Amino acid sequence: SPDNRQIASGGRDKNLKIWNIMGECKYTVDSNAHTDWVTCVRFHQDTKNPIVVSASNDKTIKVWDNHTMTLKNTFVGHKAQITALDMSTNYLVSVSKDGIAITWNDAEGSFL
């Protein structure tokens, strides 16, 4: 996390979890969760817009409010499992087994 006090994880159990640095699970996303393995999780490094972004084998990217862990947006555009994510201030890039990299406008949920 931007403040180095949280760790995000995802895995085969389809869960996105937020941990403290002591290794205690503080939150497990139950509502609007991914329907397949979570393959990648990233914190947005902007403290003014605290979000967590997750990607999955279900071919979706989900944007979560880091304070409440509520779903803000779901990005759909890949035709296969998403394998990697990277972020900048206003954009998100995802790579998938479909061989395509997509650049997303993270505020609008649209791809460029």
N, C-alpha and C. Protein backbone atom coordinates (compact mmCIF):
# COMPACT_ATOMS: atom_id res chain seq x y z
N SER A 1 0.84 -1.19 0.00
CA SER A 1 0.00 0.00 0.00
C SER A 1 0.88 1.25 0.00
N PRO A 2 0.34 2.38 -0.36
CA PRO A 2 1.14 3.61 -0.39
C PRO A 2 1.76 3.98 0.96
N ASP A 3 1.09 3.59 2.05
CA ASP A 3 1.62 3.91 3.38
C ASP A 3 2.46 2.78 3.98
N ASN A 4 2.68 1.72 3.22
CA ASN A 4 3.46 0.56 3.65
C ASN A 4 2.90 -0.12 4.90
N ARG A 5 1.58 -0.05 5.08
CA ARG A 5 0.96 -0.64 6.25
C ARG A 5 -0.01 -1.77 5.91
N GLN A 6 -0.22 -2.01 4.60
CA GLN A 6 -1.14 -3.04 4.17
C GLN A 6 -0.51 -3.89 3.07
N ILE A 7 -0.96 -5.12 3.00
CA ILE A 7 -0.56 -6.04 1.95
C ILE A 7 -1.84 -6.60 1.34
N ALA A 8 -1.91 -6.67 0.03
CA ALA A 8 -3.07 -7.24 -0.65
C ALA A 8 -2.65 -8.57 -1.27
N SER A 9 -3.58 -9.53 -1.22
CA SER A 9 -3.29 -10.83 -1.83
C SER A 9 -4.53 -11.36 -2.53
N GLY A 10 -4.29 -12.24 -3.46
CA GLY A 10 -5.36 -12.93 -4.16
C GLY A 10 -4.83 -14.29 -4.58
N GLY A 11 -5.73 -15.23 -4.85
CA GLY A 11 -5.24 -16.54 -5.22
C GLY A 11 -6.30 -17.46 -5.78
N ARG A 12 -5.99 -18.74 -5.73
CA ARG A 12 -6.87 -19.78 -6.30
C ARG A 12 -8.23 -19.84 -5.62
N ASP A 13 -8.31 -19.36 -4.39
CA ASP A 13 -9.58 -19.40 -3.67
C ASP A 13 -10.55 -18.30 -4.12
N LYS A 14 -10.13 -17.49 -5.11
CA LYS A 14 -10.94 -16.42 -5.72
C LYS A 14 -11.10 -15.21 -4.81
N ASN A 15 -10.40 -15.22 -3.68
CA ASN A 15 -10.54 -14.14 -2.70
C ASN A 15 -9.49 -13.06 -2.84
N LEU A 16 -9.91 -11.84 -2.60
CA LEU A 16 -9.02 -10.71 -2.46
C LEU A 16 -8.98 -10.41 -0.97
N LYS A 17 -7.77 -10.36 -0.40
CA LYS A 17 -7.63 -10.13 1.04
C LYS A 17 -6.68 -8.96 1.29
N ILE A 18 -6.98 -8.24 2.36
CA ILE A 18 -6.11 -7.16 2.82
C ILE A 18 -5.57 -7.56 4.18
N TRP A 19 -4.24 -7.47 4.32
CA TRP A 19 -3.54 -7.90 5.53
C TRP A 19 -2.82 -6.70 6.15
N ASN A 20 -2.61 -6.75 7.45
CA ASN A 20 -1.71 -5.76 8.06
C ASN A 20 -0.29 -6.32 8.01
N ILE A 21 0.67 -5.52 8.38
CA ILE A 21 2.07 -5.96 8.27
C ILE A 21 2.44 -7.00 9.33
N MET A 22 1.53 -7.28 10.26
CA MET A 22 1.75 -8.32 11.27
C MET A 22 1.26 -9.68 10.76
N GLY A 23 0.71 -9.70 9.54
CA GLY A 23 0.24 -10.94 8.96
C GLY A 23 -1.18 -11.31 9.34
N GLU A 24 -1.95 -10.34 9.87
CA GLU A 24 -3.34 -10.59 10.24
C GLU A 24 -4.26 -10.15 9.11
N CYS A 25 -5.15 -11.04 8.69
CA CYS A 25 -6.10 -10.71 7.64
C CYS A 25 -7.12 -9.74 8.21
N LYS A 26 -7.20 -8.55 7.63
CA LYS A 26 -8.11 -7.52 8.12
C LYS A 26 -9.40 -7.44 7.31
N TYR A 27 -9.36 -7.94 6.07
CA TYR A 27 -10.56 -7.86 5.24
C TYR A 27 -10.50 -8.91 4.13
N THR A 28 -11.60 -9.59 3.91
CA THR A 28 -11.77 -10.50 2.78
C THR A 28 -12.97 -10.01 1.98
N VAL A 29 -12.77 -9.76 0.70
CA VAL A 29 -13.87 -9.28 -0.15
C VAL A 29 -14.85 -10.42 -0.38
N ASP A 30 -16.10 -10.19 0.00
CA ASP A 30 -17.16 -11.18 -0.20
C ASP A 30 -18.13 -10.74 -1.28
N SER A 31 -18.44 -9.47 -1.29
CA SER A 31 -19.43 -8.94 -2.22
C SER A 31 -18.78 -8.56 -3.55
N ASN A 32 -19.40 -8.95 -4.66
CA ASN A 32 -18.91 -8.65 -6.01
C ASN A 32 -17.53 -9.23 -6.30
N ALA A 33 -17.19 -10.32 -5.65
CA ALA A 33 -15.87 -10.93 -5.79
C ALA A 33 -15.68 -11.54 -7.19
N HIS A 34 -14.43 -11.84 -7.50
CA HIS A 34 -14.11 -12.53 -8.76
C HIS A 34 -14.72 -13.93 -8.74
N THR A 35 -14.97 -14.47 -9.92
CA THR A 35 -15.55 -15.81 -10.04
C THR A 35 -14.53 -16.87 -10.40
N ASP A 36 -13.27 -16.49 -10.49
CA ASP A 36 -12.18 -17.43 -10.77
C ASP A 36 -10.93 -16.93 -10.05
N TRP A 37 -9.82 -17.63 -10.19
CA TRP A 37 -8.59 -17.28 -9.49
C TRP A 37 -8.23 -15.81 -9.65
N VAL A 38 -7.80 -15.19 -8.57
CA VAL A 38 -7.26 -13.83 -8.62
C VAL A 38 -5.79 -13.95 -8.98
N THR A 39 -5.41 -13.36 -10.10
CA THR A 39 -4.05 -13.54 -10.62
C THR A 39 -3.11 -12.38 -10.32
N CYS A 40 -3.65 -11.22 -10.01
CA CYS A 40 -2.81 -10.05 -9.81
C CYS A 40 -3.55 -9.02 -8.95
N VAL A 41 -2.83 -8.40 -8.02
CA VAL A 41 -3.40 -7.36 -7.17
C VAL A 41 -2.40 -6.22 -7.06
N ARG A 42 -2.89 -4.98 -7.18
CA ARG A 42 -2.03 -3.80 -7.08
C ARG A 42 -2.73 -2.72 -6.27
N PHE A 43 -1.93 -2.02 -5.47
CA PHE A 43 -2.41 -0.80 -4.82
C PHE A 43 -2.10 0.37 -5.73
N HIS A 44 -3.02 1.31 -5.83
CA HIS A 44 -2.75 2.58 -6.51
C HIS A 44 -1.91 3.40 -5.54
N GLN A 45 -0.83 4.00 -6.01
CA GLN A 45 0.11 4.69 -5.13
C GLN A 45 -0.29 6.12 -4.79
N ASP A 46 -1.46 6.55 -5.23
CA ASP A 46 -1.95 7.90 -4.94
C ASP A 46 -2.75 7.87 -3.64
N THR A 47 -2.27 8.54 -2.61
CA THR A 47 -2.96 8.53 -1.31
C THR A 47 -4.27 9.31 -1.34
N LYS A 48 -4.45 10.20 -2.34
CA LYS A 48 -5.71 10.95 -2.45
C LYS A 48 -6.83 10.10 -3.04
N ASN A 49 -6.47 9.07 -3.78
CA ASN A 49 -7.44 8.18 -4.41
C ASN A 49 -7.06 6.74 -4.06
N PRO A 50 -7.30 6.31 -2.82
CA PRO A 50 -6.83 4.99 -2.39
C PRO A 50 -7.67 3.85 -2.97
N ILE A 51 -7.11 3.18 -3.95
CA ILE A 51 -7.80 2.05 -4.56
C ILE A 51 -6.90 0.83 -4.61
N VAL A 52 -7.54 -0.31 -4.70
CA VAL A 52 -6.87 -1.58 -4.93
C VAL A 52 -7.46 -2.12 -6.23
N VAL A 53 -6.60 -2.64 -7.10
CA VAL A 53 -7.05 -3.19 -8.37
C VAL A 53 -6.69 -4.67 -8.40
N SER A 54 -7.66 -5.49 -8.81
CA SER A 54 -7.42 -6.93 -8.89
C SER A 54 -7.79 -7.43 -10.29
N ALA A 55 -7.09 -8.46 -10.72
CA ALA A 55 -7.36 -9.09 -12.02
C ALA A 55 -7.53 -10.58 -11.78
N SER A 56 -8.19 -11.24 -12.74
CA SER A 56 -8.56 -12.63 -12.50
C SER A 56 -8.58 -13.46 -13.77
N ASN A 57 -8.60 -14.77 -13.56
CA ASN A 57 -8.83 -15.69 -14.67
C ASN A 57 -10.25 -15.57 -15.21
N ASP A 58 -11.13 -14.85 -14.50
CA ASP A 58 -12.49 -14.63 -15.02
C ASP A 58 -12.53 -13.54 -16.09
N LYS A 59 -11.34 -13.03 -16.47
CA LYS A 59 -11.16 -12.06 -17.57
C LYS A 59 -11.61 -10.64 -17.20
N THR A 60 -11.76 -10.37 -15.89
CA THR A 60 -12.16 -9.03 -15.45
C THR A 60 -11.10 -8.39 -14.58
N ILE A 61 -11.17 -7.07 -14.53
CA ILE A 61 -10.37 -6.26 -13.62
C ILE A 61 -11.37 -5.54 -12.73
N LYS A 62 -11.11 -5.56 -11.44
CA LYS A 62 -12.02 -4.90 -10.50
C LYS A 62 -11.24 -3.82 -9.73
N VAL A 63 -11.89 -2.68 -9.58
CA VAL A 63 -11.30 -1.55 -8.85
C VAL A 63 -12.08 -1.40 -7.55
N TRP A 64 -11.36 -1.40 -6.43
CA TRP A 64 -11.95 -1.38 -5.10
C TRP A 64 -11.54 -0.12 -4.35
N ASP A 65 -12.45 0.45 -3.59
CA ASP A 65 -12.13 1.54 -2.67
C ASP A 65 -11.31 0.93 -1.54
N ASN A 66 -10.10 1.44 -1.30
CA ASN A 66 -9.22 0.84 -0.30
C ASN A 66 -9.69 1.09 1.14
N HIS A 67 -10.52 2.08 1.37
CA HIS A 67 -11.01 2.34 2.73
C HIS A 67 -12.17 1.41 3.09
N THR A 68 -13.09 1.20 2.16
CA THR A 68 -14.30 0.42 2.45
C THR A 68 -14.30 -0.95 1.77
N MET A 69 -13.39 -1.17 0.84
CA MET A 69 -13.30 -2.38 0.02
C MET A 69 -14.60 -2.66 -0.72
N THR A 70 -15.27 -1.60 -1.13
CA THR A 70 -16.45 -1.73 -1.99
C THR A 70 -16.02 -1.60 -3.44
N LEU A 71 -16.74 -2.26 -4.31
CA LEU A 71 -16.42 -2.25 -5.73
C LEU A 71 -16.76 -0.90 -6.35
N LYS A 72 -15.78 -0.31 -7.02
CA LYS A 72 -16.00 0.97 -7.71
C LYS A 72 -16.25 0.77 -9.19
N ASN A 73 -15.60 -0.24 -9.78
CA ASN A 73 -15.71 -0.44 -11.22
C ASN A 73 -15.25 -1.84 -11.60
N THR A 74 -15.80 -2.36 -12.67
CA THR A 74 -15.33 -3.62 -13.26
C THR A 74 -15.00 -3.36 -14.71
N PHE A 75 -13.79 -3.71 -15.11
CA PHE A 75 -13.35 -3.52 -16.49
C PHE A 75 -13.46 -4.86 -17.22
N VAL A 76 -14.10 -4.84 -18.38
CA VAL A 76 -14.25 -6.05 -19.20
C VAL A 76 -13.73 -5.73 -20.59
N GLY A 77 -12.86 -6.59 -21.11
CA GLY A 77 -12.34 -6.35 -22.45
C GLY A 77 -11.43 -7.46 -22.94
N HIS A 78 -10.86 -8.23 -22.03
CA HIS A 78 -10.00 -9.34 -22.44
C HIS A 78 -10.81 -10.57 -22.77
N LYS A 79 -10.24 -11.42 -23.64
CA LYS A 79 -10.90 -12.65 -24.05
C LYS A 79 -10.29 -13.89 -23.38
N ALA A 80 -9.30 -13.66 -22.51
CA ALA A 80 -8.65 -14.76 -21.79
C ALA A 80 -8.18 -14.25 -20.42
N GLN A 81 -7.59 -15.14 -19.65
CA GLN A 81 -7.16 -14.82 -18.30
C GLN A 81 -6.17 -13.65 -18.29
N ILE A 82 -6.33 -12.77 -17.32
CA ILE A 82 -5.43 -11.63 -17.17
C ILE A 82 -4.25 -12.07 -16.32
N THR A 83 -3.04 -11.78 -16.82
CA THR A 83 -1.83 -12.28 -16.15
C THR A 83 -1.00 -11.20 -15.47
N ALA A 84 -1.20 -9.92 -15.82
CA ALA A 84 -0.38 -8.87 -15.21
C ALA A 84 -1.10 -7.53 -15.26
N LEU A 85 -0.79 -6.68 -14.29
CA LEU A 85 -1.31 -5.31 -14.20
C LEU A 85 -0.17 -4.37 -13.88
N ASP A 86 -0.26 -3.15 -14.37
CA ASP A 86 0.64 -2.09 -13.92
C ASP A 86 -0.15 -0.80 -13.97
N MET A 87 0.24 0.15 -13.13
CA MET A 87 -0.53 1.39 -13.01
C MET A 87 0.37 2.61 -13.04
N SER A 88 -0.21 3.71 -13.54
CA SER A 88 0.40 5.03 -13.42
C SER A 88 -0.65 5.91 -12.76
N THR A 89 -0.46 7.20 -12.79
CA THR A 89 -1.38 8.11 -12.12
C THR A 89 -2.81 8.01 -12.63
N ASN A 90 -2.99 7.99 -13.95
CA ASN A 90 -4.34 7.99 -14.52
C ASN A 90 -4.68 6.75 -15.34
N TYR A 91 -3.71 5.87 -15.52
CA TYR A 91 -3.93 4.75 -16.42
C TYR A 91 -3.55 3.43 -15.77
N LEU A 92 -4.18 2.38 -16.29
CA LEU A 92 -3.92 1.02 -15.88
C LEU A 92 -3.65 0.22 -17.15
N VAL A 93 -2.65 -0.64 -17.10
CA VAL A 93 -2.35 -1.51 -18.24
C VAL A 93 -2.51 -2.95 -17.78
N SER A 94 -3.25 -3.71 -18.58
CA SER A 94 -3.44 -5.13 -18.29
C SER A 94 -2.95 -5.96 -19.46
N VAL A 95 -2.42 -7.14 -19.13
CA VAL A 95 -1.93 -8.08 -20.13
C VAL A 95 -2.64 -9.41 -19.89
N SER A 96 -2.98 -10.07 -20.99
CA SER A 96 -3.78 -11.29 -20.88
C SER A 96 -3.19 -12.39 -21.75
N LYS A 97 -3.64 -13.61 -21.48
CA LYS A 97 -3.26 -14.75 -22.31
C LYS A 97 -3.84 -14.67 -23.71
N ASP A 98 -4.71 -13.67 -23.96
CA ASP A 98 -5.21 -13.46 -25.32
C ASP A 98 -4.17 -12.76 -26.19
N GLY A 99 -3.01 -12.41 -25.59
CA GLY A 99 -1.92 -11.78 -26.34
C GLY A 99 -2.08 -10.29 -26.50
N ILE A 100 -3.02 -9.68 -25.79
CA ILE A 100 -3.30 -8.26 -25.94
C ILE A 100 -3.00 -7.52 -24.64
N ALA A 101 -2.40 -6.36 -24.77
CA ALA A 101 -2.23 -5.43 -23.65
C ALA A 101 -3.25 -4.31 -23.85
N ILE A 102 -3.98 -3.99 -22.80
CA ILE A 102 -4.98 -2.93 -22.88
C ILE A 102 -4.62 -1.83 -21.89
N THR A 103 -4.67 -0.59 -22.36
CA THR A 103 -4.51 0.57 -21.50
C THR A 103 -5.89 1.11 -21.17
N TRP A 104 -6.16 1.25 -19.90
CA TRP A 104 -7.47 1.67 -19.39
C TRP A 104 -7.38 3.06 -18.77
N ASN A 105 -8.43 3.83 -18.93
CA ASN A 105 -8.58 5.06 -18.18
C ASN A 105 -9.23 4.63 -16.86
N ASP A 106 -8.46 4.67 -15.77
CA ASP A 106 -8.98 4.10 -14.52
C ASP A 106 -10.13 4.89 -13.91
N ALA A 107 -10.28 6.16 -14.27
CA ALA A 107 -11.40 6.94 -13.74
C ALA A 107 -12.72 6.57 -14.42
N GLU A 108 -12.65 6.25 -15.71
CA GLU A 108 -13.86 5.99 -16.49
C GLU A 108 -14.14 4.52 -16.72
N GLY A 109 -13.12 3.68 -16.59
CA GLY A 109 -13.29 2.26 -16.85
C GLY A 109 -13.32 1.90 -18.32
N SER A 110 -12.88 2.85 -19.15
CA SER A 110 -12.87 2.60 -20.59
C SER A 110 -11.44 2.34 -21.04
N PHE A 111 -11.29 1.59 -22.13
CA PHE A 111 -9.94 1.38 -22.63
C PHE A 111 -9.66 2.33 -23.78
N LEU A 112 -8.38 2.60 -23.94
CA LEU A 112 -7.96 3.60 -24.94
C LEU A 112 -7.56 2.93 -26.23
